[in-house]
Amino acid sequence: LQPLSRDSSPGFPDGVYFASDFLLGAGMVILQPSTSKVVVVYDEKNGYWFLPKGRKDVGESLEAAALREAYEESGYRAEFLPLSIPSNAPTPPSQRPRLLHPNTEPIYMSTHRWYRPQRYQPRDASGGEYLTFWYVGMIPDDAQWHPDTGMQDEKDYRAHLLEYQDAMEKLDGLRRVDGIVVQKAYELWHFTVKNERQVQRAREIEADAAAKKCATDQPVPGESHPQ
């Protein structure tokens, strides 16, 4: 099947999924912009590196789930990092319209199929779909790590602040969803920084031009003007 784009898998066939046949979850890439490092979690019991993620609770938004899971599994309190994400979500009328206005929409949605009947599914069910929405968050340079923030089965998780290349190696590069998401998060972050500098420079040039025009339009003291 034809991928939707070079960054995506082939599209889903049209269909419907009943409540018991799918799960919604959220994950997060946590960056530390001041050091260019990324938070990667290590399961010491099972010897496994991963990004924080998990199922959303009943009544919880995906955004709240992403922040909660990031804190529970990494021990760091993150906040969303606005990036120039090419989201198809409409831009609010209150925002100044311009190309790729920084936003905090998810950068990826990944799918994982399960094959055994789960809670509330009939015994003859053939599985379901786990849909995870991936966000990008950030922590400051003085971020404090908090111990014992996870659930009972997450007590062996330890968060590590790693350089990009080291993080990609721990996550098996582009062979896993986690590595794909980290790579795209870094691409979007670097693009956003460059784009915002260009926007700021354009605004400064525009302000300088307006100031010069205003000064030129001011009357010279002592100069007579026709009545």
Protein backbone atom coordinates (compact mmCIF):
# COMPACT_ATOMS: atom_id res chain seq x y z
CA LEU A 1 0.00 0.00 0.00
CA GLN A 2 1.10 3.56 -0.72
CA PRO A 3 2.27 5.51 2.39
CA LEU A 4 0.37 8.71 3.07
CA SER A 5 3.71 10.57 2.97
CA ARG A 6 7.40 9.88 3.59
CA ASP A 7 6.74 10.32 7.32
CA SER A 8 3.71 8.03 7.54
CA SER A 9 2.47 4.50 7.01
CA PRO A 10 -0.32 3.60 4.55
CA GLY A 11 -3.74 4.90 5.48
CA PHE A 12 -6.47 3.00 7.33
CA PRO A 13 -9.32 1.52 5.32
CA ASP A 14 -12.61 3.22 6.15
CA GLY A 15 -14.32 1.53 9.06
CA VAL A 16 -15.76 1.85 12.56
CA TYR A 17 -14.43 0.71 15.95
CA PHE A 18 -16.70 0.03 18.91
CA ALA A 19 -15.62 1.34 22.34
CA SER A 20 -14.40 -2.04 23.60
CA ASP A 21 -12.28 -2.61 20.49
CA PHE A 22 -9.91 0.36 20.77
CA LEU A 23 -7.78 2.18 23.31
CA LEU A 24 -6.68 5.81 23.30
CA GLY A 25 -3.31 6.72 24.75
CA ALA A 26 -0.80 9.55 24.82
CA GLY A 27 2.98 9.70 24.85
CA MET A 28 5.57 12.47 25.04
CA VAL A 29 9.04 13.33 23.84
CA ILE A 30 10.53 15.46 26.62
CA LEU A 31 13.28 17.83 25.46
CA GLN A 32 15.54 20.07 27.50
CA PRO A 33 16.12 22.97 25.07
CA SER A 34 18.98 24.49 27.09
CA THR A 35 21.08 21.32 26.70
CA SER A 36 19.51 19.78 23.57
CA LYS A 37 18.99 16.57 25.56
CA VAL A 38 16.01 14.22 25.62
CA VAL A 39 14.49 12.27 28.49
CA VAL A 40 14.51 8.51 27.94
CA VAL A 41 13.17 6.05 30.51
CA TYR A 42 14.86 2.74 31.35
CA ASP A 43 13.01 -0.24 32.80
CA GLU A 44 15.70 -1.74 35.04
CA LYS A 45 13.70 -4.92 35.62
CA ASN A 46 13.22 -5.77 31.94
CA GLY A 47 16.23 -3.97 30.44
CA TYR A 48 14.14 -1.82 28.09
CA TRP A 49 14.46 1.84 26.99
CA PHE A 50 11.33 3.77 26.02
CA LEU A 51 9.49 7.09 25.95
CA PRO A 52 6.78 7.76 28.55
CA LYS A 53 3.31 6.90 27.33
CA GLY A 54 0.09 5.25 28.50
CA ARG A 55 -3.67 4.99 28.28
CA LYS A 56 -5.84 7.98 29.01
CA ASP A 57 -8.27 7.74 31.91
CA VAL A 58 -12.04 8.02 31.59
CA GLY A 59 -12.96 11.70 31.19
CA GLU A 60 -9.32 12.74 30.74
CA SER A 61 -8.14 14.68 27.69
CA LEU A 62 -5.28 13.40 25.57
CA GLU A 63 -3.22 16.46 26.51
CA ALA A 64 -3.74 15.86 30.22
CA ALA A 65 -2.88 12.18 29.75
CA ALA A 66 0.37 13.07 27.96
CA LEU A 67 1.49 15.36 30.81
CA ARG A 68 0.43 12.86 33.47
CA GLU A 69 2.17 9.90 31.85
CA ALA A 70 5.30 12.00 31.27
CA TYR A 71 5.46 12.80 34.99
CA GLU A 72 4.50 9.35 36.27
CA GLU A 73 6.99 7.43 34.13
CA SER A 74 9.89 9.91 33.94
CA GLY A 75 9.66 11.81 37.23
CA TYR A 76 9.96 15.15 35.41
CA ARG A 77 7.17 17.73 35.28
CA ALA A 78 7.07 18.76 31.64
CA GLU A 79 5.04 21.37 29.82
CA PHE A 80 4.15 21.44 26.15
CA LEU A 81 6.77 22.80 23.74
CA PRO A 82 5.16 24.88 20.96
CA LEU A 83 6.54 23.81 17.59
CA SER A 84 5.87 24.65 13.95
CA ILE A 85 3.81 21.50 13.44
CA PRO A 86 2.03 21.21 10.07
CA SER A 87 -1.23 20.22 11.77
CA ASN A 88 -4.50 20.05 9.85
CA ALA A 89 -6.30 21.41 12.93
CA PRO A 90 -7.83 24.85 12.18
CA THR A 91 -6.00 27.88 13.61
CA PRO A 92 -8.09 29.90 16.13
CA PRO A 93 -9.26 33.27 14.72
CA SER A 94 -7.50 35.08 17.59
CA GLN A 95 -4.06 33.98 16.39
CA ARG A 96 -2.16 35.96 13.84
CA PRO A 97 -2.37 33.96 10.61
CA ARG A 98 1.01 32.89 9.26
CA LEU A 99 2.61 29.75 7.94
CA LEU A 100 3.18 27.06 10.58
CA HIS A 101 2.30 29.11 13.63
CA PRO A 102 3.83 27.27 16.64
CA ASN A 103 1.30 24.97 18.28
CA THR A 104 1.17 22.03 20.69
CA GLU A 105 -0.75 19.51 18.59
CA PRO A 106 0.45 15.88 18.51
CA ILE A 107 3.28 15.23 16.05
CA TYR A 108 2.42 11.57 15.49
CA MET A 109 -0.31 9.01 16.01
CA SER A 110 0.90 5.43 16.25
CA THR A 111 -1.18 2.25 16.19
CA HIS A 112 -0.64 -1.07 17.88
CA ARG A 113 -2.82 -4.11 17.28
CA TRP A 114 -3.65 -6.52 20.10
CA TYR A 115 -4.95 -9.98 19.28
CA ARG A 116 -6.45 -11.44 22.45
CA PRO A 117 -9.85 -10.41 23.83
CA GLN A 118 -9.56 -7.70 26.46
CA ARG A 119 -11.88 -6.38 29.15
CA TYR A 120 -15.46 -5.95 27.92
CA GLN A 121 -14.74 -7.73 24.64
CA PRO A 122 -16.61 -10.94 23.76
CA ARG A 123 -14.61 -14.16 23.92
CA ASP A 124 -14.64 -14.54 20.15
CA ALA A 125 -13.15 -11.07 19.58
CA SER A 126 -10.06 -10.97 17.35
CA GLY A 127 -8.34 -8.12 19.21
CA GLY A 128 -8.38 -4.36 18.86
CA GLU A 129 -6.41 -1.19 18.10
CA TYR A 130 -4.35 0.91 20.54
CA LEU A 131 -4.05 4.48 19.19
CA THR A 132 -1.32 6.60 20.80
CA PHE A 133 -1.02 10.35 20.20
CA TRP A 134 2.53 11.68 20.62
CA TYR A 135 3.25 15.17 21.94
CA VAL A 136 6.45 17.14 22.53
CA GLY A 137 7.19 18.62 25.94
CA MET A 138 10.04 20.48 27.56
CA ILE A 139 11.75 20.89 30.92
CA PRO A 140 13.96 23.81 32.09
CA ASP A 141 17.71 23.53 32.68
CA ASP A 142 17.10 23.38 36.45
CA ALA A 143 14.38 20.73 36.23
CA GLN A 144 14.10 18.58 39.33
CA TRP A 145 13.67 14.81 39.08
CA HIS A 146 11.02 13.39 41.43
CA PRO A 147 11.34 9.80 42.64
CA ASP A 148 8.52 7.28 43.10
CA THR A 149 6.02 8.98 40.78
CA GLY A 150 4.85 5.90 38.87
CA MET A 151 2.29 3.17 39.44
CA GLN A 152 3.15 0.04 41.42
CA ASP A 153 4.39 -1.80 38.32
CA GLU A 154 6.55 1.20 37.32
CA LYS A 155 8.83 1.30 40.38
CA ASP A 156 11.80 0.05 38.35
CA TYR A 157 11.63 2.94 35.84
CA ARG A 158 14.57 5.38 35.82
CA ALA A 159 14.73 8.50 33.66
CA HIS A 160 17.94 9.55 31.90
CA LEU A 161 18.78 12.85 30.19
CA LEU A 162 20.64 11.80 27.05
CA GLU A 163 22.27 13.43 24.06
CA TYR A 164 20.31 12.94 20.84
CA GLN A 165 22.58 10.28 19.31
CA ASP A 166 22.75 8.33 22.57
CA ALA A 167 18.96 8.46 22.91
CA MET A 168 18.48 7.20 19.36
CA GLU A 169 20.83 4.29 20.02
CA LYS A 170 19.00 3.34 23.22
CA LEU A 171 15.68 3.45 21.35
CA ASP A 172 16.98 1.31 18.44
CA GLY A 173 16.94 4.23 16.01
CA LEU A 174 14.21 4.23 13.39
CA ARG A 175 13.37 0.56 13.93
CA ARG A 176 10.91 1.54 16.67
CA VAL A 177 8.15 4.11 16.99
CA ASP A 178 9.98 5.79 19.88
CA GLY A 179 13.04 6.55 17.72
CA ILE A 180 10.91 7.79 14.83
CA VAL A 181 9.06 10.18 17.14
CA VAL A 182 12.28 11.49 18.73
CA GLN A 183 13.86 12.15 15.34
CA LYS A 184 10.82 14.11 14.13
CA ALA A 185 10.61 16.05 17.40
CA TYR A 186 14.20 17.23 16.96
CA GLU A 187 13.60 18.15 13.31
CA LEU A 188 10.55 20.21 14.24
CA TRP A 189 12.34 21.85 17.17
CA HIS A 190 15.33 22.97 15.08
CA PHE A 191 13.03 24.16 12.30
CA THR A 192 10.90 26.11 14.77
CA VAL A 193 13.91 27.87 16.32
CA LYS A 194 15.18 28.89 12.87
CA ASN A 195 11.72 29.93 11.68
CA GLU A 196 11.02 32.03 14.78
CA ARG A 197 14.35 33.84 14.42
CA GLN A 198 13.43 34.72 10.85
CA VAL A 199 9.99 35.91 11.95
CA GLN A 200 11.51 38.02 14.72
CA ARG A 201 14.03 39.53 12.30
CA ALA A 202 11.24 40.38 9.84
CA ARG A 203 9.29 42.10 12.63
CA GLU A 204 12.35 44.12 13.63
CA ILE A 205 12.89 45.26 10.04
CA GLU A 206 9.21 46.16 9.78
CA ALA A 207 9.37 48.14 13.04
CA ASP A 208 12.53 49.99 11.94
CA ALA A 209 10.91 50.93 8.63
CA ALA A 210 7.80 52.20 10.44
CA ALA A 211 9.92 54.24 12.87
CA LYS A 212 11.91 55.83 10.02
CA LYS A 213 8.72 56.69 8.15
CA CYS A 214 7.24 58.24 11.27
CA ALA A 215 10.38 60.35 11.80
CA THR A 216 10.35 61.49 8.16
CA ASP A 217 6.70 62.54 8.42
CA GLN A 218 7.33 64.74 11.50
CA PRO A 219 7.46 68.54 10.77
CA VAL A 220 10.83 70.24 11.17
CA PRO A 221 10.83 72.81 14.08
CA GLY A 222 10.59 76.42 12.82
CA GLU A 223 9.56 75.37 9.35
CA SER A 224 6.58 77.32 7.98
CA HIS A 225 3.73 75.53 6.33
CA PRO A 226 1.18 76.97 3.91
CA GLN A 227 -2.16 77.75 5.49
